[in-house]
Structure formats: structure tokens, C-alpha cells
Amino acid sequence: MAAPLFFPIFIADHLALDFLNTVVLLDGSEHDLLQSDADVRAWLELAGLLKPAEPLPPYQAQSLCLGSRKLRELLRGLVRRRKLGKRLDPSQLNTFLAAGRQRQELVLERGELRLEPRFEKATPEQLLLPVALSGAELLANADFELVRTCESPDCVLLFYDRTKSHRRRWCSMATCGNRHKVATFRERQARRE
């Protein structure tokens, strides 16, 4: 299997938006980072939703990838409609949520007790339940004035602006923000010459 060209980044400040950000702009075209079941598994591991090398049931080939893409596009449509203030139909997401199973487990670690959710993983839908729950939580509770798309014309990434001033403009200052600064600097230099 060839190594992916790009790896998922977690810059959105919300799990559901990071999941939507698995589609990136590359040379002016959208590129899907979730090309295989292995890609989805790697994303889930990076997101902390699956332990590395955790055994999973043998899903039908590509079913995890197809299930994740279906969930992603469902969430993308709902987020867009919510952002535009349009009426939502949560029925498909509710169907996805109903397919999942979770329970709470009391965990004792270093003398501290805490409740942790445990998710069934018998089907791809069950494995993706934490992502679906994150999307439902975003839709129900987020301030959608703070759900934004990066201002760079070369970027399609979303983020939840949790900054104190709520003036975040870029998916990341290290990438799009820095490119904007460099372009602005070059523009000023060109005008001076």
C-alpha cells in the first residue's frame, strides 16, 4: 500500500470539523484523505478514538471507508445548512446514531475514578459512533457564528473559533495565515519598487 500524500491534521478545535477536514484542496482540486479502511483507521487512531493495533472485527472490505464517507457527507450537509440558518432534517443522522451502541464504564486510574464511554465496534457504523455523536453535539450546541471556513482562497478547511477575541481567520497560522502574511509582505515590497 502506498503512503498517503497528506496526513490528516487536527486544527479545527472540534472533532466533527476535523472529520470534515479529511477533504482538502490540492492544486485547486478536492482530495479525499479517506481512500481506504486503513486511512479511516489511521484517522481514528490520530483522533484518539481507537488504540493503535486494537483488534477490530473483520469488516467487509472498504465498508469502513464507505461508511465514513457517508457520515462525513451527511455531517457536511447538515453543518452547511445550519451555518446558513436553514431548516435541518436530522433523520439520517439519527439513523446513524441509532446503529451505534455505547455504555459507560467506571475506570480507576492512579487513584482517581472517572466515567468513560465505551463503544461497540461490531460494525463500521458502531466504530464511527463517537464521530457521529460529535457531529450531533456540534449541530445542537455550537455557536455557528464561530464555525468558520479558512479565509484562504486555496483552502476549504473548517474550524471552530474558540479564541478569546473570536477573530480567528485561518485554519492555521502556520500554513494559510503565514502564506497570507508572506503574500501581503511581497505585495507591499512590489509597490515600493
Protein backbone atom coordinates (compact mmCIF):
# COMPACT_ATOMS: atom_id res chain seq x y z
CA MET A 1 0.00 0.00 0.00
CA ALA A 2 1.37 3.41 -0.97
CA ALA A 3 1.86 6.03 1.73
CA PRO A 4 -0.73 8.82 1.63
CA LEU A 5 0.31 12.13 0.10
CA PHE A 6 -1.10 14.05 3.04
CA PHE A 7 -1.90 13.21 6.59
CA PRO A 8 -4.97 14.46 8.41
CA ILE A 9 -4.47 17.48 10.58
CA PHE A 10 -6.38 18.31 13.70
CA ILE A 11 -6.72 22.09 13.75
CA ALA A 12 -10.47 22.64 13.82
CA ASP A 13 -10.89 22.67 17.61
CA HIS A 14 -13.80 20.26 17.23
CA LEU A 15 -13.69 16.54 16.38
CA ALA A 16 -16.59 16.67 13.90
CA LEU A 17 -14.99 19.56 11.99
CA ASP A 18 -11.64 17.75 11.95
CA PHE A 19 -13.51 14.82 10.41
CA LEU A 20 -14.96 17.11 7.73
CA ASN A 21 -11.43 18.37 7.12
CA THR A 22 -10.44 15.00 5.68
CA VAL A 23 -11.24 16.57 2.32
CA VAL A 24 -8.53 19.08 1.40
CA LEU A 25 -7.77 21.31 -1.56
CA LEU A 26 -4.75 20.16 -3.56
CA ASP A 27 -3.70 22.05 -6.69
CA GLY A 28 -7.17 23.55 -6.94
CA SER A 29 -8.99 20.19 -6.65
CA GLU A 30 -10.56 18.50 -3.68
CA HIS A 31 -8.65 15.45 -2.43
CA ASP A 32 -10.22 12.89 -0.10
CA LEU A 33 -7.78 11.70 2.59
CA LEU A 34 -10.01 8.71 3.36
CA GLN A 35 -9.23 6.40 0.46
CA SER A 36 -9.27 3.07 2.32
CA ASP A 37 -10.30 1.35 5.51
CA ALA A 38 -6.68 1.74 6.66
CA ASP A 39 -6.90 5.52 6.15
CA VAL A 40 -10.05 5.67 8.29
CA ARG A 41 -8.42 3.53 10.96
CA ALA A 42 -5.35 5.81 10.96
CA TRP A 43 -7.61 8.89 11.33
CA LEU A 44 -9.49 7.27 14.22
CA GLU A 45 -6.19 6.45 15.92
CA LEU A 46 -4.87 10.00 15.46
CA ALA A 47 -8.16 11.33 16.84
CA GLY A 48 -7.73 9.15 19.93
CA LEU A 49 -10.87 7.13 19.19
CA LEU A 50 -9.05 3.87 18.55
CA LYS A 51 -5.92 2.45 20.14
CA PRO A 52 -3.06 1.56 17.79
CA ALA A 53 -3.17 -2.12 16.87
CA GLU A 54 -6.56 -2.52 18.61
CA PRO A 55 -8.19 -5.57 17.03
CA LEU A 56 -11.38 -4.99 15.12
CA PRO A 57 -13.89 -7.44 13.69
CA PRO A 58 -13.31 -8.31 10.04
CA TYR A 59 -15.48 -5.76 8.27
CA GLN A 60 -16.33 -6.22 4.61
CA ALA A 61 -13.55 -4.61 2.52
CA GLN A 62 -13.99 -0.84 2.09
CA SER A 63 -17.11 -0.79 4.31
CA LEU A 64 -15.37 1.37 6.93
CA CYS A 65 -14.20 3.79 4.25
CA LEU A 66 -17.63 3.96 2.61
CA GLY A 67 -19.37 4.35 5.98
CA SER A 68 -17.05 7.17 6.99
CA ARG A 69 -17.56 8.98 3.70
CA LYS A 70 -21.33 8.62 4.06
CA LEU A 71 -21.20 10.02 7.60
CA ARG A 72 -18.85 12.83 6.55
CA GLU A 73 -21.06 13.99 3.69
CA LEU A 74 -24.16 13.74 5.88
CA LEU A 75 -22.48 15.90 8.54
CA ARG A 76 -21.12 18.29 5.90
CA GLY A 77 -24.62 18.88 4.53
CA LEU A 78 -26.09 19.41 7.99
CA VAL A 79 -23.28 21.80 9.01
CA ARG A 80 -23.72 23.82 5.80
CA ARG A 81 -27.48 24.08 6.31
CA ARG A 82 -27.05 25.02 9.98
CA LYS A 83 -24.43 27.63 9.04
CA LEU A 84 -26.85 29.14 6.51
CA GLY A 85 -29.68 29.12 9.07
CA LYS A 86 -31.71 26.65 7.02
CA ARG A 87 -34.02 24.00 8.43
CA LEU A 88 -32.34 20.68 9.21
CA ASP A 89 -33.64 17.16 8.82
CA PRO A 90 -31.77 15.11 11.44
CA SER A 91 -33.43 11.81 10.49
CA GLN A 92 -30.43 10.32 8.62
CA LEU A 93 -28.02 11.28 11.39
CA ASN A 94 -30.45 9.84 13.95
CA THR A 95 -30.49 6.58 11.98
CA PHE A 96 -26.70 6.54 12.09
CA LEU A 97 -26.74 7.26 15.84
CA ALA A 98 -29.29 4.50 16.45
CA ALA A 99 -26.98 1.94 14.81
CA GLY A 100 -24.31 2.59 17.43
CA ARG A 101 -24.07 1.17 20.92
CA GLN A 102 -22.34 2.66 23.89
CA ARG A 103 -22.09 2.10 27.60
CA GLN A 104 -20.38 3.83 30.49
CA GLU A 105 -17.54 2.23 32.40
CA LEU A 106 -16.14 3.32 35.75
CA VAL A 107 -12.35 3.48 35.46
CA LEU A 108 -9.87 3.68 38.32
CA GLU A 109 -6.55 5.17 37.24
CA ARG A 110 -3.85 6.50 39.58
CA GLY A 111 -6.30 6.52 42.46
CA GLU A 112 -8.86 8.61 40.55
CA LEU A 113 -12.29 7.42 39.43
CA ARG A 114 -13.93 8.63 36.24
CA LEU A 115 -16.65 7.53 33.86
CA GLU A 116 -15.59 6.73 30.32
CA PRO A 117 -17.79 5.87 27.37
CA ARG A 118 -17.15 2.53 25.71
CA PHE A 119 -18.37 1.98 22.18
CA GLU A 120 -19.24 -1.28 20.45
CA LYS A 121 -17.23 -1.87 17.30
CA ALA A 122 -19.03 -4.79 15.65
CA THR A 123 -19.96 -2.70 12.59
CA PRO A 124 -18.37 0.29 10.86
CA GLU A 125 -21.33 2.43 12.00
CA GLN A 126 -20.69 1.46 15.61
CA LEU A 127 -16.98 2.23 15.26
CA LEU A 128 -17.85 5.68 13.84
CA LEU A 129 -20.40 6.45 16.59
CA PRO A 130 -18.07 8.83 18.52
CA VAL A 131 -17.69 10.92 15.36
CA ALA A 132 -21.44 10.93 14.73
CA LEU A 133 -22.06 11.94 18.36
CA SER A 134 -19.52 14.76 18.00
CA GLY A 135 -21.37 15.96 14.89
CA ALA A 136 -24.72 15.83 16.67
CA GLU A 137 -23.25 17.76 19.62
CA LEU A 138 -21.85 20.39 17.23
CA LEU A 139 -25.20 20.81 15.49
CA ALA A 140 -27.13 21.02 18.75
CA ASN A 141 -24.82 23.15 20.87
CA ALA A 142 -22.29 25.10 18.82
CA ASP A 143 -22.46 28.82 18.17
CA PHE A 144 -22.47 28.66 14.39
CA GLU A 145 -21.22 32.25 14.15
CA LEU A 146 -17.95 30.70 15.32
CA VAL A 147 -17.94 27.79 12.85
CA ARG A 148 -15.87 29.16 10.01
CA THR A 149 -14.09 28.30 6.80
CA CYS A 150 -10.47 29.35 6.43
CA GLU A 151 -10.26 32.70 4.64
CA SER A 152 -7.55 31.50 2.27
CA PRO A 153 -8.94 31.07 -1.25
CA ASP A 154 -6.75 27.95 -1.54
CA CYS A 155 -8.28 26.24 1.50
CA VAL A 156 -11.58 24.55 2.32
CA LEU A 157 -10.86 23.64 5.95
CA LEU A 158 -13.34 24.45 8.71
CA PHE A 159 -12.67 25.38 12.30
CA TYR A 160 -14.47 26.35 15.50
CA ASP A 161 -13.17 29.72 16.65
CA ARG A 162 -12.57 29.32 20.37
CA THR A 163 -10.17 32.26 20.60
CA LYS A 164 -10.93 34.85 23.24
CA SER A 165 -11.49 37.62 20.68
CA HIS A 166 -13.28 35.32 18.17
CA ARG A 167 -11.22 36.78 15.33
CA ARG A 168 -9.57 33.64 14.03
CA ARG A 169 -9.36 33.81 10.23
CA TRP A 170 -7.16 30.91 9.20
CA CYS A 171 -7.28 27.17 9.61
CA SER A 172 -3.73 27.51 10.87
CA MET A 173 -1.39 30.46 11.25
CA ALA A 174 1.49 28.12 10.41
CA THR A 175 0.12 27.41 6.94
CA CYS A 176 -2.61 29.61 5.47
CA GLY A 177 -2.02 32.51 7.85
CA ASN A 178 1.70 32.51 7.11
CA ARG A 179 1.10 32.31 3.34
CA HIS A 180 -1.18 35.33 3.61
CA LYS A 181 1.44 37.27 5.59
CA VAL A 182 4.15 36.44 3.04
CA ALA A 183 1.90 37.40 0.10
CA THR A 184 0.95 40.68 1.79
CA PHE A 185 4.62 41.44 2.50
CA ARG A 186 5.61 40.71 -1.11
CA GLU A 187 2.76 42.89 -2.36
CA ARG A 188 3.93 45.81 -0.21
CA GLN A 189 7.52 45.30 -1.38
CA ALA A 190 6.44 45.27 -5.03
CA ARG A 191 4.53 48.56 -4.59
CA ARG A 192 7.61 50.22 -3.09
CA GLU A 193 9.81 49.29 -6.05
